[in-house]
């Protein structure tokens, strides 16, 4: 396949066009539809060809595309002075951690409200993340409240059950793929938007990413083929990733603890022999390339919140306090409440 044209135009539109070509390909057919075997083989061959082309594009142009994105990125919350630019060999950047445990009643009401509004909890958590960053940034000198608030956000996708042959048991570990929530970064959000309208819109975007298989694969391919043990110093210099930060936020809704919560340490029935799991906090320090803040929500009997951050201490405290407060209040957000209403009600 030969593609010609202006370099900037190609870099802007070619990856998206190829992703759409791959992801809209009719590779899944409903049961009972009579399709000749030769047509199925033809589709499989075409799919393999498009996938190979897409992988080639990512491999060849990945550095240029990645560099273009990093050049445009300006974090909402400035990095701390101890965060170094990305170089080779990599320098480990420190990460600070915050943890909090919610109220069991808040978890119950939040999940019920999400069901009532026909949205997943993950969609509501994205809204909470955006409001938390807005709250933390509103006191900064260059903050403009009259403009839509933009946030470069990456989302983790649990891939344990999204592989061709999932294992019977849930293994412990990180089995994730990544995708960005593009509309939050490109269009931004007006705080007059209704909270639940945004949550539903985000849910739709989250669901659509799952079907964009090559988009989910893009980051692992670039990391595997370009950012690895063989990386050259010139490559890192060309990327020019300031403070080693690649986005504002990475968000992972880990979900409910899936294993047994009670374990007997001995055959005796005494309470002192019973081990109970009451909380689950997830944390990853991400020392090299990563976002300004990584936010996790897990749950056992209540929501458990974790954050790893690389921004100034005052901003981080405001960010985490707002994130926890909004998440704990999700069950009380009325159908007509705007994003601004939610922040105002909390009196942060």
C-alpha atoms as a PDB file:
ATOM      1  CA  UNK A   1       0.000   0.000   0.000  1.00  0.00           C
ATOM      2  CA  UNK A   2       1.374   3.435  -0.984  1.00  0.00           C
ATOM      3  CA  UNK A   3       0.167   6.604   0.714  1.00  0.00           C
ATOM      4  CA  UNK A   4       1.393  10.038  -0.368  1.00  0.00           C
ATOM      5  CA  UNK A   5       0.662  13.581   0.722  1.00  0.00           C
ATOM      6  CA  UNK A   6       1.622  16.342   3.114  1.00  0.00           C
ATOM      7  CA  UNK A   7       3.460  14.888   6.125  1.00  0.00           C
ATOM      8  CA  UNK A   8       1.498  16.809   8.768  1.00  0.00           C
ATOM      9  CA  UNK A   9      -1.808  15.865   7.153  1.00  0.00           C
ATOM     10  CA  UNK A  10      -0.799  12.199   6.983  1.00  0.00           C
ATOM     11  CA  UNK A  11       0.292  12.180  10.609  1.00  0.00           C
ATOM     12  CA  UNK A  12      -2.978  13.777  11.631  1.00  0.00           C
ATOM     13  CA  UNK A  13      -5.406  11.589   9.703  1.00  0.00           C
ATOM     14  CA  UNK A  14      -3.713   8.365   8.540  1.00  0.00           C
ATOM     15  CA  UNK A  15      -3.607   6.511  11.899  1.00  0.00           C
ATOM     16  CA  UNK A  16      -7.256   7.316  12.618  1.00  0.00           C
ATOM     17  CA  UNK A  17      -8.325   6.355   9.103  1.00  0.00           C
ATOM     18  CA  UNK A  18      -6.567   3.006   9.334  1.00  0.00           C
ATOM     19  CA  UNK A  19      -7.997   2.341  12.778  1.00  0.00           C
ATOM     20  CA  UNK A  20     -11.486   3.036  11.498  1.00  0.00           C
ATOM     21  CA  UNK A  21     -10.902   0.835   8.469  1.00  0.00           C
ATOM     22  CA  UNK A  22      -9.858  -1.986  10.755  1.00  0.00           C
ATOM     23  CA  UNK A  23     -12.510  -1.509  13.421  1.00  0.00           C
ATOM     24  CA  UNK A  24     -15.473  -1.103  11.054  1.00  0.00           C
ATOM     25  CA  UNK A  25     -14.522  -4.192   9.081  1.00  0.00           C
ATOM     26  CA  UNK A  26     -17.394  -6.749   9.088  1.00  0.00           C
ATOM     27  CA  UNK A  27     -15.497  -9.453  10.947  1.00  0.00           C
ATOM     28  CA  UNK A  28     -18.327 -10.505  13.284  1.00  0.00           C
ATOM     29  CA  UNK A  29     -21.505 -12.086  11.927  1.00  0.00           C
ATOM     30  CA  UNK A  30     -24.707 -12.900  13.756  1.00  0.00           C
ATOM     31  CA  UNK A  31     -25.748 -16.510  14.329  1.00  0.00           C
ATOM     32  CA  UNK A  32     -27.819 -18.121  11.631  1.00  0.00           C
ATOM     33  CA  UNK A  33     -26.623 -15.853   8.811  1.00  0.00           C
ATOM     34  CA  UNK A  34     -25.702 -18.052   5.795  1.00  0.00           C
ATOM     35  CA  UNK A  35     -22.260 -16.960   4.630  1.00  0.00           C
ATOM     36  CA  UNK A  36     -20.143 -18.994   2.247  1.00  0.00           C
ATOM     37  CA  UNK A  37     -16.910 -20.344   3.672  1.00  0.00           C
ATOM     38  CA  UNK A  38     -14.876 -18.678   0.938  1.00  0.00           C
ATOM     39  CA  UNK A  39     -16.291 -15.306   2.028  1.00  0.00           C
ATOM     40  CA  UNK A  40     -15.275 -15.971   5.613  1.00  0.00           C
ATOM     41  CA  UNK A  41     -11.770 -16.831   4.435  1.00  0.00           C
ATOM     42  CA  UNK A  42     -11.731 -13.668   2.326  1.00  0.00           C
ATOM     43  CA  UNK A  43     -12.756 -11.566   5.331  1.00  0.00           C
ATOM     44  CA  UNK A  44     -10.124 -13.232   7.511  1.00  0.00           C
ATOM     45  CA  UNK A  45      -7.417 -12.552   4.921  1.00  0.00           C
ATOM     46  CA  UNK A  46      -8.475  -8.919   4.585  1.00  0.00           C
ATOM     47  CA  UNK A  47      -8.578  -8.486   8.345  1.00  0.00           C
ATOM     48  CA  UNK A  48      -5.095  -9.940   8.731  1.00  0.00           C
ATOM     49  CA  UNK A  49      -3.817  -7.650   5.973  1.00  0.00           C
ATOM     50  CA  UNK A  50      -5.330  -4.518   7.527  1.00  0.00           C
ATOM     51  CA  UNK A  51      -4.012  -5.508  10.960  1.00  0.00           C
ATOM     52  CA  UNK A  52      -0.527  -6.040   9.542  1.00  0.00           C
ATOM     53  CA  UNK A  53      -0.625  -2.637   7.824  1.00  0.00           C
ATOM     54  CA  UNK A  54      -1.815  -0.962  11.012  1.00  0.00           C
ATOM     55  CA  UNK A  55       0.935  -2.562  13.081  1.00  0.00           C
ATOM     56  CA  UNK A  56       3.439  -1.452  10.475  1.00  0.00           C
ATOM     57  CA  UNK A  57       2.164   2.126  10.585  1.00  0.00           C
ATOM     58  CA  UNK A  58       2.346   2.185  14.379  1.00  0.00           C
ATOM     59  CA  UNK A  59       5.846   0.713  14.313  1.00  0.00           C
ATOM     60  CA  UNK A  60       7.178   3.071  11.631  1.00  0.00           C
ATOM     61  CA  UNK A  61       5.358   6.276  12.552  1.00  0.00           C
ATOM     62  CA  UNK A  62       4.863   5.635  16.253  1.00  0.00           C
ATOM     63  CA  UNK A  63       7.761   7.860  17.300  1.00  0.00           C
ATOM     64  CA  UNK A  64       6.633  10.761  15.111  1.00  0.00           C
ATOM     65  CA  UNK A  65       2.994  10.495  16.197  1.00  0.00           C
ATOM     66  CA  UNK A  66       3.964  10.161  19.857  1.00  0.00           C
ATOM     67  CA  UNK A  67       6.354  13.118  19.630  1.00  0.00           C
ATOM     68  CA  UNK A  68       3.637  15.236  17.999  1.00  0.00           C
ATOM     69  CA  UNK A  69       1.202  14.441  20.815  1.00  0.00           C
ATOM     70  CA  UNK A  70       3.773  15.132  23.540  1.00  0.00           C
ATOM     71  CA  UNK A  71       4.687  18.466  21.954  1.00  0.00           C
ATOM     72  CA  UNK A  72       1.060  19.609  22.267  1.00  0.00           C
ATOM     73  CA  UNK A  73       0.584  18.362  25.828  1.00  0.00           C
ATOM     74  CA  UNK A  74       0.483  20.975  28.595  1.00  0.00           C
ATOM     75  CA  UNK A  75      -0.411  19.501  32.006  1.00  0.00           C
ATOM     76  CA  UNK A  76      -3.297  21.036  33.931  1.00  0.00           C
ATOM     77  CA  UNK A  77      -1.317  20.775  37.177  1.00  0.00           C
ATOM     78  CA  UNK A  78       2.386  21.754  36.939  1.00  0.00           C
ATOM     79  CA  UNK A  79       4.929  19.062  37.763  1.00  0.00           C
ATOM     80  CA  UNK A  80       7.042  19.188  40.908  1.00  0.00           C
ATOM     81  CA  UNK A  81      10.637  20.369  40.612  1.00  0.00           C
ATOM     82  CA  UNK A  82      11.921  16.828  41.260  1.00  0.00           C
ATOM     83  CA  UNK A  83      10.366  15.438  38.056  1.00  0.00           C
ATOM     84  CA  UNK A  84      13.051  14.997  35.377  1.00  0.00           C
ATOM     85  CA  UNK A  85      12.574  14.996  31.618  1.00  0.00           C
ATOM     86  CA  UNK A  86      12.563  11.574  29.957  1.00  0.00           C
ATOM     87  CA  UNK A  87      16.127  10.558  29.063  1.00  0.00           C
ATOM     88  CA  UNK A  88      18.116   7.397  28.378  1.00  0.00           C
ATOM     89  CA  UNK A  89      19.160   5.756  30.582  1.00  0.00           C
ATOM     90  CA  UNK A  90      15.902   6.601  32.396  1.00  0.00           C
ATOM     91  CA  UNK A  91      15.975   8.566  35.630  1.00  0.00           C
ATOM     92  CA  UNK A  92      13.549   7.380  38.303  1.00  0.00           C
ATOM     93  CA  UNK A  93      11.143  10.134  39.307  1.00  0.00           C
ATOM     94  CA  UNK A  94       9.619  10.030  42.799  1.00  0.00           C
ATOM     95  CA  UNK A  95       5.875   9.528  43.183  1.00  0.00           C
ATOM     96  CA  UNK A  96       3.814  10.490  46.226  1.00  0.00           C
ATOM     97  CA  UNK A  97       0.859   8.400  47.390  1.00  0.00           C
ATOM     98  CA  UNK A  98      -2.509   9.152  48.970  1.00  0.00           C
ATOM     99  CA  UNK A  99      -5.084   6.677  50.302  1.00  0.00           C
ATOM    100  CA  UNK A 100      -8.630   6.943  51.646  1.00  0.00           C
ATOM    101  CA  UNK A 101     -11.494   4.631  52.579  1.00  0.00           C
ATOM    102  CA  UNK A 102     -15.113   5.490  51.873  1.00  0.00           C
ATOM    103  CA  UNK A 103     -18.390   4.838  53.665  1.00  0.00           C
ATOM    104  CA  UNK A 104     -20.201   1.564  52.817  1.00  0.00           C
ATOM    105  CA  UNK A 105     -23.485   3.480  52.541  1.00  0.00           C
ATOM    106  CA  UNK A 106     -21.969   5.822  49.966  1.00  0.00           C
ATOM    107  CA  UNK A 107     -20.968   2.864  47.803  1.00  0.00           C
ATOM    108  CA  UNK A 108     -24.465   1.391  47.973  1.00  0.00           C
ATOM    109  CA  UNK A 109     -26.213   4.646  47.074  1.00  0.00           C
ATOM    110  CA  UNK A 110     -23.697   5.455  44.318  1.00  0.00           C
ATOM    111  CA  UNK A 111     -24.171   2.121  42.558  1.00  0.00           C
ATOM    112  CA  UNK A 112     -27.960   2.367  42.875  1.00  0.00           C
ATOM    113  CA  UNK A 113     -27.923   5.895  41.441  1.00  0.00           C
ATOM    114  CA  UNK A 114     -25.713   4.834  38.525  1.00  0.00           C
ATOM    115  CA  UNK A 115     -28.150   2.030  37.724  1.00  0.00           C
ATOM    116  CA  UNK A 116     -31.059   4.470  37.940  1.00  0.00           C
ATOM    117  CA  UNK A 117     -29.321   6.860  35.516  1.00  0.00           C
ATOM    118  CA  UNK A 118     -28.388   4.004  33.147  1.00  0.00           C
ATOM    119  CA  UNK A 119     -24.666   4.597  33.440  1.00  0.00           C
ATOM    120  CA  UNK A 120     -21.748   2.558  34.753  1.00  0.00           C
ATOM    121  CA  UNK A 121     -19.872   3.619  37.852  1.00  0.00           C
ATOM    122  CA  UNK A 122     -16.821   4.095  35.622  1.00  0.00           C
ATOM    123  CA  UNK A 123     -18.595   6.860  33.712  1.00  0.00           C
ATOM    124  CA  UNK A 124     -19.401   8.660  36.958  1.00  0.00           C
ATOM    125  CA  UNK A 125     -15.804   8.274  38.168  1.00  0.00           C
ATOM    126  CA  UNK A 126     -14.536  10.024  35.033  1.00  0.00           C
ATOM    127  CA  UNK A 127     -16.830  12.959  35.884  1.00  0.00           C
ATOM    128  CA  UNK A 128     -15.440  12.946  39.433  1.00  0.00           C
ATOM    129  CA  UNK A 129     -11.888  12.980  38.057  1.00  0.00           C
ATOM    130  CA  UNK A 130     -12.592  15.963  35.827  1.00  0.00           C
ATOM    131  CA  UNK A 131     -14.208  17.892  38.693  1.00  0.00           C
ATOM    132  CA  UNK A 132     -11.287  17.076  40.993  1.00  0.00           C
ATOM    133  CA  UNK A 133      -8.747  18.441  38.503  1.00  0.00           C
ATOM    134  CA  UNK A 134     -10.921  21.511  37.918  1.00  0.00           C
ATOM    135  CA  UNK A 135     -11.044  22.172  41.663  1.00  0.00           C
ATOM    136  CA  UNK A 136      -7.276  21.713  42.062  1.00  0.00           C
ATOM    137  CA  UNK A 137      -6.454  23.928  39.063  1.00  0.00           C
ATOM    138  CA  UNK A 138      -8.864  26.821  39.575  1.00  0.00           C
ATOM    139  CA  UNK A 139      -6.420  28.755  41.754  1.00  0.00           C
ATOM    140  CA  UNK A 140      -3.535  28.589  39.263  1.00  0.00           C
ATOM    141  CA  UNK A 141      -2.474  31.791  37.458  1.00  0.00           C
ATOM    142  CA  UNK A 142      -3.294  30.607  33.917  1.00  0.00           C
ATOM    143  CA  UNK A 143      -6.667  29.055  34.784  1.00  0.00           C
ATOM    144  CA  UNK A 144      -9.533  30.389  32.632  1.00  0.00           C
ATOM    145  CA  UNK A 145     -13.003  29.495  34.004  1.00  0.00           C
ATOM    146  CA  UNK A 146     -14.724  30.894  30.891  1.00  0.00           C
ATOM    147  CA  UNK A 147     -13.315  28.155  28.636  1.00  0.00           C
ATOM    148  CA  UNK A 148     -14.336  24.473  28.449  1.00  0.00           C
ATOM    149  CA  UNK A 149     -12.154  22.530  30.860  1.00  0.00           C
ATOM    150  CA  UNK A 150      -9.857  20.111  29.027  1.00  0.00           C
ATOM    151  CA  UNK A 151      -8.177  17.080  30.554  1.00  0.00           C
ATOM    152  CA  UNK A 152      -5.880  14.545  28.883  1.00  0.00           C
ATOM    153  CA  UNK A 153      -7.147  11.311  30.410  1.00  0.00           C
ATOM    154  CA  UNK A 154      -6.101   7.700  29.855  1.00  0.00           C
ATOM    155  CA  UNK A 155      -8.305   4.803  30.885  1.00  0.00           C
ATOM    156  CA  UNK A 156      -7.217   1.293  31.852  1.00  0.00           C
ATOM    157  CA  UNK A 157      -9.167  -1.623  30.388  1.00  0.00           C
ATOM    158  CA  UNK A 158      -9.176  -4.952  32.209  1.00  0.00           C
ATOM    159  CA  UNK A 159      -8.272  -7.470  29.500  1.00  0.00           C
ATOM    160  CA  UNK A 160      -8.598 -10.690  31.532  1.00  0.00           C
ATOM    161  CA  UNK A 161     -11.936 -11.591  29.914  1.00  0.00           C
ATOM    162  CA  UNK A 162     -11.342  -9.765  26.625  1.00  0.00           C
ATOM    163  CA  UNK A 163      -8.858 -12.232  25.171  1.00  0.00           C
ATOM    164  CA  UNK A 164      -9.734 -15.090  22.775  1.00  0.00           C
ATOM    165  CA  UNK A 165      -9.186 -17.793  25.407  1.00  0.00           C
ATOM    166  CA  UNK A 166      -9.544 -16.414  28.968  1.00  0.00           C
ATOM    167  CA  UNK A 167      -8.315 -18.602  31.809  1.00  0.00           C
ATOM    168  CA  UNK A 168     -10.818 -20.079  34.241  1.00  0.00           C
ATOM    169  CA  UNK A 169      -9.407 -18.298  37.295  1.00  0.00           C
ATOM    170  CA  UNK A 170      -8.763 -14.563  37.725  1.00  0.00           C
ATOM    171  CA  UNK A 171      -4.969 -14.170  37.923  1.00  0.00           C
ATOM    172  CA  UNK A 172      -3.539 -11.504  40.207  1.00  0.00           C
ATOM    173  CA  UNK A 173      -1.597  -8.874  38.276  1.00  0.00           C
ATOM    174  CA  UNK A 174      -1.966  -6.113  35.705  1.00  0.00           C
ATOM    175  CA  UNK A 175      -3.579  -7.314  32.477  1.00  0.00           C
ATOM    176  CA  UNK A 176      -4.536  -3.981  30.981  1.00  0.00           C
ATOM    177  CA  UNK A 177      -4.718  -2.061  27.743  1.00  0.00           C
ATOM    178  CA  UNK A 178      -4.983   1.708  27.473  1.00  0.00           C
ATOM    179  CA  UNK A 179      -7.075   4.212  25.556  1.00  0.00           C
ATOM    180  CA  UNK A 180      -7.529   7.940  25.887  1.00  0.00           C
ATOM    181  CA  UNK A 181     -10.838   9.731  26.315  1.00  0.00           C
ATOM    182  CA  UNK A 182     -10.310  11.988  23.327  1.00  0.00           C
ATOM    183  CA  UNK A 183     -13.299  14.298  23.717  1.00  0.00           C
ATOM    184  CA  UNK A 184     -12.194  15.425  27.184  1.00  0.00           C
ATOM    185  CA  UNK A 185      -8.885  16.590  25.729  1.00  0.00           C
ATOM    186  CA  UNK A 186     -10.069  17.975  22.388  1.00  0.00           C
ATOM    187  CA  UNK A 187     -13.461  19.513  23.184  1.00  0.00           C
ATOM    188  CA  UNK A 188     -13.328  19.872  26.941  1.00  0.00           C
ATOM    189  CA  UNK A 189     -16.330  20.157  29.242  1.00  0.00           C
ATOM    190  CA  UNK A 190     -18.483  23.151  30.122  1.00  0.00           C
ATOM    191  CA  UNK A 191     -19.349  22.934  33.814  1.00  0.00           C
ATOM    192  CA  UNK A 192     -22.936  23.833  32.947  1.00  0.00           C
ATOM    193  CA  UNK A 193     -23.180  20.313  31.498  1.00  0.00           C
ATOM    194  CA  UNK A 194     -25.384  17.996  33.540  1.00  0.00           C
ATOM    195  CA  UNK A 195     -23.366  15.493  35.540  1.00  0.00           C
ATOM    196  CA  UNK A 196     -25.313  12.447  34.384  1.00  0.00           C
ATOM    197  CA  UNK A 197     -25.416  13.562  30.741  1.00  0.00           C
ATOM    198  CA  UNK A 198     -21.619  13.700  30.746  1.00  0.00           C
ATOM    199  CA  UNK A 199     -21.399  10.342  32.540  1.00  0.00           C
ATOM    200  CA  UNK A 200     -23.557   8.724  29.842  1.00  0.00           C
ATOM    201  CA  UNK A 201     -21.506  10.333  27.077  1.00  0.00           C
ATOM    202  CA  UNK A 202     -18.302   9.108  28.688  1.00  0.00           C
ATOM    203  CA  UNK A 203     -19.768   5.607  29.086  1.00  0.00           C
ATOM    204  CA  UNK A 204     -20.538   5.547  25.367  1.00  0.00           C
ATOM    205  CA  UNK A 205     -16.966   6.565  24.533  1.00  0.00           C
ATOM    206  CA  UNK A 206     -15.531   3.999  26.948  1.00  0.00           C
ATOM    207  CA  UNK A 207     -17.637   1.236  25.378  1.00  0.00           C
ATOM    208  CA  UNK A 208     -16.670   2.271  21.839  1.00  0.00           C
ATOM    209  CA  UNK A 209     -12.953   2.002  22.640  1.00  0.00           C
ATOM    210  CA  UNK A 210     -13.317  -1.705  23.433  1.00  0.00           C
ATOM    211  CA  UNK A 211     -14.307  -2.330  19.815  1.00  0.00           C
ATOM    212  CA  UNK A 212     -11.330  -0.346  18.510  1.00  0.00           C
ATOM    213  CA  UNK A 213      -8.908  -3.201  18.931  1.00  0.00           C
ATOM    214  CA  UNK A 214      -5.918  -1.653  17.192  1.00  0.00           C
ATOM    215  CA  UNK A 215      -6.330   1.559  19.180  1.00  0.00           C
ATOM    216  CA  UNK A 216      -6.033  -0.462  22.388  1.00  0.00           C
ATOM    217  CA  UNK A 217      -3.015  -2.252  20.940  1.00  0.00           C
ATOM    218  CA  UNK A 218      -1.231   0.931  19.814  1.00  0.00           C
ATOM    219  CA  UNK A 219       0.418   1.804  23.146  1.00  0.00           C
ATOM    220  CA  UNK A 220       1.703  -1.740  23.875  1.00  0.00           C
ATOM    221  CA  UNK A 221       3.076  -1.953  20.318  1.00  0.00           C
ATOM    222  CA  UNK A 222       4.936   1.358  20.652  1.00  0.00           C
ATOM    223  CA  UNK A 223       6.287   0.407  24.083  1.00  0.00           C
ATOM    224  CA  UNK A 224       7.328  -3.039  22.891  1.00  0.00           C
ATOM    225  CA  UNK A 225       9.018  -1.952  19.668  1.00  0.00           C
ATOM    226  CA  UNK A 226      10.245   1.557  20.468  1.00  0.00           C
ATOM    227  CA  UNK A 227      10.492   2.240  24.207  1.00  0.00           C
ATOM    228  CA  UNK A 228      12.394  -0.770  25.505  1.00  0.00           C
ATOM    229  CA  UNK A 229      15.843  -1.878  26.697  1.00  0.00           C
ATOM    230  CA  UNK A 230      17.351  -1.086  23.269  1.00  0.00           C
ATOM    231  CA  UNK A 231      16.136   2.512  23.175  1.00  0.00           C
ATOM    232  CA  UNK A 232      18.768   5.031  22.077  1.00  0.00           C
ATOM    233  CA  UNK A 233      19.432   8.368  23.873  1.00  0.00           C
ATOM    234  CA  UNK A 234      18.744  10.219  20.607  1.00  0.00           C
ATOM    235  CA  UNK A 235      15.257   8.694  20.472  1.00  0.00           C
ATOM    236  CA  UNK A 236      14.396   9.926  23.974  1.00  0.00           C
ATOM    237  CA  UNK A 237      15.811  13.357  23.138  1.00  0.00           C
ATOM    238  CA  UNK A 238      13.696  13.551  19.985  1.00  0.00           C
ATOM    239  CA  UNK A 239      10.546  12.686  21.949  1.00  0.00           C
ATOM    240  CA  UNK A 240      11.211  15.608  24.324  1.00  0.00           C
ATOM    241  CA  UNK A 241       8.818  14.429  27.056  1.00  0.00           C
ATOM    242  CA  UNK A 242       9.000  17.186  29.655  1.00  0.00           C
ATOM    243  CA  UNK A 243       8.979  16.032  33.281  1.00  0.00           C
ATOM    244  CA  UNK A 244       8.376  12.502  31.905  1.00  0.00           C
ATOM    245  CA  UNK A 245       4.635  13.253  31.938  1.00  0.00           C
ATOM    246  CA  UNK A 246       2.435  11.892  29.152  1.00  0.00           C
ATOM    247  CA  UNK A 247      -1.069  12.876  30.344  1.00  0.00           C
ATOM    248  CA  UNK A 248      -2.952  14.586  33.147  1.00  0.00           C
ATOM    249  CA  UNK A 249      -4.659  11.520  34.574  1.00  0.00           C
ATOM    250  CA  UNK A 250      -4.717   7.775  34.318  1.00  0.00           C
ATOM    251  CA  UNK A 251      -7.869   6.250  35.739  1.00  0.00           C
ATOM    252  CA  UNK A 252      -8.472   2.664  36.757  1.00  0.00           C
ATOM    253  CA  UNK A 253     -11.804   1.485  38.141  1.00  0.00           C
ATOM    254  CA  UNK A 254     -10.481  -1.778  39.577  1.00  0.00           C
ATOM    255  CA  UNK A 255     -13.889  -2.972  40.725  1.00  0.00           C
ATOM    256  CA  UNK A 256     -14.939  -5.185  43.605  1.00  0.00           C
ATOM    257  CA  UNK A 257     -12.447  -7.527  45.282  1.00  0.00           C
ATOM    258  CA  UNK A 258     -13.191 -10.838  43.483  1.00  0.00           C
ATOM    259  CA  UNK A 259     -11.799 -13.369  45.961  1.00  0.00           C
ATOM    260  CA  UNK A 260     -12.898 -14.802  49.310  1.00  0.00           C
ATOM    261  CA  UNK A 261     -12.846 -12.155  52.060  1.00  0.00           C
ATOM    262  CA  UNK A 262     -12.556 -14.511  55.041  1.00  0.00           C
ATOM    263  CA  UNK A 263      -9.786 -17.057  55.650  1.00  0.00           C
ATOM    264  CA  UNK A 264      -9.351 -19.373  58.641  1.00  0.00           C
ATOM    265  CA  UNK A 265      -5.722 -19.483  59.766  1.00  0.00           C
ATOM    266  CA  UNK A 266      -6.253 -22.673  61.792  1.00  0.00           C
ATOM    267  CA  UNK A 267      -9.002 -25.285  62.311  1.00  0.00           C
ATOM    268  CA  UNK A 268     -10.041 -23.641  65.592  1.00  0.00           C
ATOM    269  CA  UNK A 269     -13.218 -21.539  65.521  1.00  0.00           C
ATOM    270  CA  UNK A 270     -11.922 -18.638  67.620  1.00  0.00           C
ATOM    271  CA  UNK A 271     -12.193 -15.138  66.161  1.00  0.00           C
ATOM    272  CA  UNK A 272      -8.446 -14.666  66.577  1.00  0.00           C
ATOM    273  CA  UNK A 273      -7.946 -17.336  63.898  1.00  0.00           C
ATOM    274  CA  UNK A 274     -10.097 -15.588  61.278  1.00  0.00           C
ATOM    275  CA  UNK A 275      -8.425 -13.299  58.750  1.00  0.00           C
ATOM    276  CA  UNK A 276     -10.774 -10.771  57.084  1.00  0.00           C
ATOM    277  CA  UNK A 277     -10.081  -8.633  54.036  1.00  0.00           C
ATOM    278  CA  UNK A 278     -11.687  -5.238  54.693  1.00  0.00           C
ATOM    279  CA  UNK A 279      -9.970  -2.855  52.276  1.00  0.00           C
ATOM    280  CA  UNK A 280      -8.058  -3.042  49.000  1.00  0.00           C
ATOM    281  CA  UNK A 281      -5.795  -0.213  47.870  1.00  0.00           C
ATOM    282  CA  UNK A 282      -3.956  -0.405  44.555  1.00  0.00           C
ATOM    283  CA  UNK A 283      -0.771   1.558  43.892  1.00  0.00           C
ATOM    284  CA  UNK A 284       1.916   1.821  41.218  1.00  0.00           C
ATOM    285  CA  UNK A 285       4.689   4.389  41.511  1.00  0.00           C
ATOM    286  CA  UNK A 286       5.338   4.651  37.700  1.00  0.00           C
ATOM    287  CA  UNK A 287       8.911   5.995  37.998  1.00  0.00           C
ATOM    288  CA  UNK A 288       9.643   6.787  34.344  1.00  0.00           C
ATOM    289  CA  UNK A 289       6.827   7.722  31.927  1.00  0.00           C
ATOM    290  CA  UNK A 290       3.392   8.485  33.318  1.00  0.00           C
ATOM    291  CA  UNK A 291       0.617  10.979  34.064  1.00  0.00           C
ATOM    292  CA  UNK A 292       0.479  13.808  36.583  1.00  0.00           C
ATOM    293  CA  UNK A 293      -1.760  11.614  38.729  1.00  0.00           C
ATOM    294  CA  UNK A 294      -2.889   7.991  38.683  1.00  0.00           C
ATOM    295  CA  UNK A 295      -6.256   7.373  40.338  1.00  0.00           C
ATOM    296  CA  UNK A 296      -7.601   3.993  41.411  1.00  0.00           C
ATOM    297  CA  UNK A 297     -10.989   3.028  42.807  1.00  0.00           C
ATOM    298  CA  UNK A 298     -11.410  -0.481  44.208  1.00  0.00           C
ATOM    299  CA  UNK A 299     -13.930  -1.862  46.679  1.00  0.00           C
ATOM    300  CA  UNK A 300     -14.484  -4.489  49.341  1.00  0.00           C
ATOM    301  CA  UNK A 301     -17.182  -3.283  51.753  1.00  0.00           C
ATOM    302  CA  UNK A 302     -16.747   0.333  50.640  1.00  0.00           C
ATOM    303  CA  UNK A 303     -14.912   2.276  47.955  1.00  0.00           C
ATOM    304  CA  UNK A 304     -11.146   2.334  48.484  1.00  0.00           C
ATOM    305  CA  UNK A 305      -9.294   5.243  46.886  1.00  0.00           C
ATOM    306  CA  UNK A 306      -5.631   5.486  45.904  1.00  0.00           C
ATOM    307  CA  UNK A 307      -3.626   8.130  44.083  1.00  0.00           C
ATOM    308  CA  UNK A 308      -0.036   8.372  42.928  1.00  0.00           C
ATOM    309  CA  UNK A 309       0.939  11.890  41.910  1.00  0.00           C
ATOM    310  CA  UNK A 310       3.850  13.957  40.618  1.00  0.00           C
ATOM    311  CA  UNK A 311       2.467  17.476  41.136  1.00  0.00           C
ATOM    312  CA  UNK A 312       2.937  20.086  43.867  1.00  0.00           C
ATOM    313  CA  UNK A 313       1.768  19.072  47.333  1.00  0.00           C
ATOM    314  CA  UNK A 314      -0.998  21.683  47.677  1.00  0.00           C
ATOM    315  CA  UNK A 315      -2.445  20.809  44.269  1.00  0.00           C
ATOM    316  CA  UNK A 316      -2.264  17.088  45.058  1.00  0.00           C
ATOM    317  CA  UNK A 317      -4.093  17.492  48.375  1.00  0.00           C
ATOM    318  CA  UNK A 318      -6.856  19.517  46.724  1.00  0.00           C
ATOM    319  CA  UNK A 319      -7.079  17.009  43.864  1.00  0.00           C
ATOM    320  CA  UNK A 320      -7.395  13.913  46.043  1.00  0.00           C
ATOM    321  CA  UNK A 321      -9.769  15.496  48.557  1.00  0.00           C
ATOM    322  CA  UNK A 322     -12.090  16.591  45.740  1.00  0.00           C
ATOM    323  CA  UNK A 323     -11.877  13.216  43.983  1.00  0.00           C
ATOM    324  CA  UNK A 324     -12.863  11.295  47.121  1.00  0.00           C
ATOM    325  CA  UNK A 325     -15.588  13.798  48.043  1.00  0.00           C
ATOM    326  CA  UNK A 326     -17.244  13.699  44.610  1.00  0.00           C
ATOM    327  CA  UNK A 327     -17.082   9.892  44.385  1.00  0.00           C
ATOM    328  CA  UNK A 328     -18.589   9.545  47.871  1.00  0.00           C
ATOM    329  CA  UNK A 329     -21.376  11.959  46.882  1.00  0.00           C
ATOM    330  CA  UNK A 330     -22.325  10.323  43.557  1.00  0.00           C
ATOM    331  CA  UNK A 331     -25.432   8.752  45.086  1.00  0.00           C
ATOM    332  CA  UNK A 332     -26.748  12.215  45.986  1.00  0.00           C
ATOM    333  CA  UNK A 333     -26.289  13.838  42.569  1.00  0.00           C
ATOM    334  CA  UNK A 334     -29.743  14.700  41.217  1.00  0.00           C
ATOM    335  CA  UNK A 335     -30.766  14.112  37.612  1.00  0.00           C
ATOM    336  CA  UNK A 336     -30.670  17.838  36.778  1.00  0.00           C
ATOM    337  CA  UNK A 337     -27.489  18.735  38.684  1.00  0.00           C
ATOM    338  CA  UNK A 338     -24.762  20.296  36.571  1.00  0.00           C
ATOM    339  CA  UNK A 339     -21.054  19.678  37.070  1.00  0.00           C
ATOM    340  CA  UNK A 340     -20.802  23.105  38.718  1.00  0.00           C
ATOM    341  CA  UNK A 341     -23.703  22.224  41.051  1.00  0.00           C
ATOM    342  CA  UNK A 342     -21.895  19.109  42.264  1.00  0.00           C
ATOM    343  CA  UNK A 343     -18.773  21.076  43.217  1.00  0.00           C
ATOM    344  CA  UNK A 344     -20.778  23.851  44.849  1.00  0.00           C
ATOM    345  CA  UNK A 345     -22.773  21.410  46.995  1.00  0.00           C
ATOM    346  CA  UNK A 346     -19.589  19.929  48.461  1.00  0.00           C
ATOM    347  CA  UNK A 347     -18.178  23.276  49.698  1.00  0.00           C
ATOM    348  CA  UNK A 348     -14.612  22.158  49.094  1.00  0.00           C
END
